[in-house]
Amino acid sequence: GVDENLIRSIIKVESDFNPKCTSKAGAKGLMQLMPENCRDLGVKNPYDIYENIDGGTRHIKEYLDKYNGDTKMALMAYNGGPTRMRKRGVNSPEDIYLMPKETQNYVPKVMKYYKG
C-alpha cells in the first residue's frame, strides 16, 4: 500500500542504495533503520535488503496512516521522529522549520526524487 517510488526515494536519500550503510547515529541498511525500529518491526538483520525494505516500508506506512496520507508529515516523522514533532509543535508540513536542519533538508530531498 506504499508507492514504490516513495520507497526508492527514501532509499536514495537515506543510503544511496548502499545496503551496508551505517550512520553515526546507528541507523542501518538501505532505509537506515534505527536499532529500536528494527526491534519493533521484527527486523533481525537490517543489512538484509529484503528485511530492511520490508521493515522500512511498514515503518513509513505507519506514519502515512498516522498523518492521513500526508507524505511530508510522514517523512518528517520517519527522519526526525513523531515524538520530536509533537514536542516542537509540528502540526503541518509548513511547520518543518521547527524541526532540526537535517529534517528540514531531508524532506525536500526525498520529495524531489519522489515527484521528480
C-alpha atoms as a PDB file:
ATOM      1  CA  GLY A   1       0.000   0.000   0.000  1.00  0.00           C
ATOM      2  CA  VAL A   2       3.002   2.339  -0.271  1.00  0.00           C
ATOM      3  CA  ASP A   3       4.091   3.865  -3.588  1.00  0.00           C
ATOM      4  CA  GLU A   4       7.291   2.103  -4.640  1.00  0.00           C
ATOM      5  CA  ASN A   5       8.641   5.411  -5.963  1.00  0.00           C
ATOM      6  CA  LEU A   6       8.414   6.818  -2.445  1.00  0.00           C
ATOM      7  CA  ILE A   7      10.372   3.826  -1.101  1.00  0.00           C
ATOM      8  CA  ARG A   8      13.030   4.252  -3.812  1.00  0.00           C
ATOM      9  CA  SER A   9      13.259   7.962  -2.990  1.00  0.00           C
ATOM     10  CA  ILE A  10      13.718   7.269   0.717  1.00  0.00           C
ATOM     11  CA  ILE A  11      16.415   4.686  -0.050  1.00  0.00           C
ATOM     12  CA  LYS A  12      18.214   7.125  -2.394  1.00  0.00           C
ATOM     13  CA  VAL A  13      18.373   9.832   0.278  1.00  0.00           C
ATOM     14  CA  GLU A  14      18.963   7.522   3.257  1.00  0.00           C
ATOM     15  CA  SER A  15      21.713   5.265   1.892  1.00  0.00           C
ATOM     16  CA  ASP A  16      22.210   5.999  -1.815  1.00  0.00           C
ATOM     17  CA  PHE A  17      21.309   2.317  -2.393  1.00  0.00           C
ATOM     18  CA  ASN A  18      24.196   1.025  -0.212  1.00  0.00           C
ATOM     19  CA  PRO A  19      22.782  -1.916   1.804  1.00  0.00           C
ATOM     20  CA  LYS A  20      25.817  -1.899   4.134  1.00  0.00           C
ATOM     21  CA  CYS A  21      25.415   1.770   5.075  1.00  0.00           C
ATOM     22  CA  THR A  22      25.576   2.660   8.797  1.00  0.00           C
ATOM     23  CA  SER A  23      25.053   6.185  10.111  1.00  0.00           C
ATOM     24  CA  LYS A  24      26.878   7.810  13.039  1.00  0.00           C
ATOM     25  CA  ALA A  25      23.598   7.556  14.954  1.00  0.00           C
ATOM     26  CA  GLY A  26      23.452   3.784  14.370  1.00  0.00           C
ATOM     27  CA  ALA A  27      20.857   3.609  11.594  1.00  0.00           C
ATOM     28  CA  LYS A  28      21.469   0.636   9.318  1.00  0.00           C
ATOM     29  CA  GLY A  29      20.877  -0.591   5.814  1.00  0.00           C
ATOM     30  CA  LEU A  30      19.078   0.769   2.783  1.00  0.00           C
ATOM     31  CA  MET A  31      16.294   2.534   4.674  1.00  0.00           C
ATOM     32  CA  GLN A  32      18.523   3.418   7.642  1.00  0.00           C
ATOM     33  CA  LEU A  33      16.536   1.703  10.378  1.00  0.00           C
ATOM     34  CA  MET A  34      17.465   2.517  13.963  1.00  0.00           C
ATOM     35  CA  PRO A  35      18.013  -0.430  16.341  1.00  0.00           C
ATOM     36  CA  GLU A  36      14.781   0.307  18.237  1.00  0.00           C
ATOM     37  CA  ASN A  37      12.845   0.379  14.952  1.00  0.00           C
ATOM     38  CA  CYS A  38      14.404  -2.939  13.948  1.00  0.00           C
ATOM     39  CA  ARG A  39      13.300  -4.408  17.270  1.00  0.00           C
ATOM     40  CA  ASP A  40       9.759  -3.021  16.985  1.00  0.00           C
ATOM     41  CA  LEU A  41       9.443  -4.105  13.329  1.00  0.00           C
ATOM     42  CA  GLY A  42      10.952  -7.557  13.868  1.00  0.00           C
ATOM     43  CA  VAL A  43      13.905  -6.878  11.555  1.00  0.00           C
ATOM     44  CA  LYS A  44      16.616  -9.344  12.621  1.00  0.00           C
ATOM     45  CA  ASN A  45      19.264  -8.332  10.053  1.00  0.00           C
ATOM     46  CA  PRO A  46      18.969  -4.682   8.964  1.00  0.00           C
ATOM     47  CA  TYR A  47      21.663  -5.261   6.324  1.00  0.00           C
ATOM     48  CA  ASP A  48      19.486  -7.845   4.580  1.00  0.00           C
ATOM     49  CA  ILE A  49      17.989  -5.979   1.619  1.00  0.00           C
ATOM     50  CA  TYR A  50      14.581  -7.653   1.773  1.00  0.00           C
ATOM     51  CA  GLU A  51      14.202  -7.414   5.541  1.00  0.00           C
ATOM     52  CA  ASN A  52      15.298  -3.777   5.562  1.00  0.00           C
ATOM     53  CA  ILE A  53      12.959  -2.697   2.764  1.00  0.00           C
ATOM     54  CA  ASP A  54      10.064  -4.653   4.280  1.00  0.00           C
ATOM     55  CA  GLY A  55      10.644  -3.105   7.708  1.00  0.00           C
ATOM     56  CA  GLY A  56      11.237   0.390   6.348  1.00  0.00           C
ATOM     57  CA  THR A  57       8.125   0.199   4.171  1.00  0.00           C
ATOM     58  CA  ARG A  58       5.988  -0.900   7.120  1.00  0.00           C
ATOM     59  CA  HIS A  59       7.547   1.908   9.170  1.00  0.00           C
ATOM     60  CA  ILE A  60       6.771   4.690   6.663  1.00  0.00           C
ATOM     61  CA  LYS A  61       3.281   3.176   6.188  1.00  0.00           C
ATOM     62  CA  GLU A  62       2.639   3.616   9.919  1.00  0.00           C
ATOM     63  CA  TYR A  63       3.442   7.311   9.553  1.00  0.00           C
ATOM     64  CA  LEU A  64       1.430   7.701   6.351  1.00  0.00           C
ATOM     65  CA  ASP A  65      -1.546   6.230   8.217  1.00  0.00           C
ATOM     66  CA  LYS A  66      -0.899   8.365  11.317  1.00  0.00           C
ATOM     67  CA  TYR A  67      -0.782  11.562   9.224  1.00  0.00           C
ATOM     68  CA  ASN A  68      -3.702  10.673   6.919  1.00  0.00           C
ATOM     69  CA  GLY A  69      -1.561  10.106   3.830  1.00  0.00           C
ATOM     70  CA  ASP A  70       0.402  13.363   4.183  1.00  0.00           C
ATOM     71  CA  THR A  71       3.752  12.327   2.684  1.00  0.00           C
ATOM     72  CA  LYS A  72       5.684  15.317   4.019  1.00  0.00           C
ATOM     73  CA  MET A  73       4.463  14.767   7.567  1.00  0.00           C
ATOM     74  CA  ALA A  74       5.242  11.042   7.298  1.00  0.00           C
ATOM     75  CA  LEU A  75       8.762  11.828   6.064  1.00  0.00           C
ATOM     76  CA  MET A  76       9.290  14.297   8.914  1.00  0.00           C
ATOM     77  CA  ALA A  77       8.313  11.552  11.368  1.00  0.00           C
ATOM     78  CA  TYR A  78      10.479   8.969   9.588  1.00  0.00           C
ATOM     79  CA  ASN A  79      13.534  11.223   9.788  1.00  0.00           C
ATOM     80  CA  GLY A  80      13.011  13.306  12.915  1.00  0.00           C
ATOM     81  CA  GLY A  81      10.604  11.206  14.950  1.00  0.00           C
ATOM     82  CA  PRO A  82       6.957  11.768  15.825  1.00  0.00           C
ATOM     83  CA  THR A  83       7.803  12.500  19.465  1.00  0.00           C
ATOM     84  CA  ARG A  84      10.131  15.340  18.433  1.00  0.00           C
ATOM     85  CA  MET A  85       7.426  16.636  16.072  1.00  0.00           C
ATOM     86  CA  ARG A  86       4.862  16.674  18.868  1.00  0.00           C
ATOM     87  CA  LYS A  87       7.249  18.306  21.362  1.00  0.00           C
ATOM     88  CA  ARG A  88       8.154  21.015  18.847  1.00  0.00           C
ATOM     89  CA  GLY A  89       4.536  21.728  17.894  1.00  0.00           C
ATOM     90  CA  VAL A  90       4.715  20.434  14.315  1.00  0.00           C
ATOM     91  CA  ASN A  91       1.124  20.129  13.076  1.00  0.00           C
ATOM     92  CA  SER A  92       1.518  20.611   9.330  1.00  0.00           C
ATOM     93  CA  PRO A  93       4.201  20.471   6.627  1.00  0.00           C
ATOM     94  CA  GLU A  94       4.568  24.255   6.938  1.00  0.00           C
ATOM     95  CA  ASP A  95       5.913  23.741  10.463  1.00  0.00           C
ATOM     96  CA  ILE A  96       9.025  21.954   9.147  1.00  0.00           C
ATOM     97  CA  TYR A  97      11.129  24.963  10.231  1.00  0.00           C
ATOM     98  CA  LEU A  98      10.560  23.776  13.824  1.00  0.00           C
ATOM     99  CA  MET A  99      12.444  20.544  13.097  1.00  0.00           C
ATOM    100  CA  PRO A 100      16.245  20.075  13.097  1.00  0.00           C
ATOM    101  CA  LYS A 101      18.124  21.199   9.981  1.00  0.00           C
ATOM    102  CA  GLU A 102      18.698  17.568   8.981  1.00  0.00           C
ATOM    103  CA  THR A 103      14.929  17.014   8.732  1.00  0.00           C
ATOM    104  CA  GLN A 104      14.414  20.390   7.038  1.00  0.00           C
ATOM    105  CA  ASN A 105      16.844  19.241   4.333  1.00  0.00           C
ATOM    106  CA  TYR A 106      15.674  15.606   4.243  1.00  0.00           C
ATOM    107  CA  VAL A 107      12.001  16.106   3.387  1.00  0.00           C
ATOM    108  CA  PRO A 108      12.523  18.281   0.276  1.00  0.00           C
ATOM    109  CA  LYS A 109      15.296  15.950  -0.966  1.00  0.00           C
ATOM    110  CA  VAL A 110      13.068  12.887  -0.750  1.00  0.00           C
ATOM    111  CA  MET A 111      10.155  14.803  -2.298  1.00  0.00           C
ATOM    112  CA  LYS A 112      12.390  15.954  -5.175  1.00  0.00           C
ATOM    113  CA  TYR A 113      13.239  12.353  -6.081  1.00  0.00           C
ATOM    114  CA  TYR A 114       9.680  11.202  -5.417  1.00  0.00           C
ATOM    115  CA  LYS A 115       7.972  13.856  -7.528  1.00  0.00           C
ATOM    116  CA  GLY A 116      10.909  14.377  -9.932  1.00  0.00           C
END
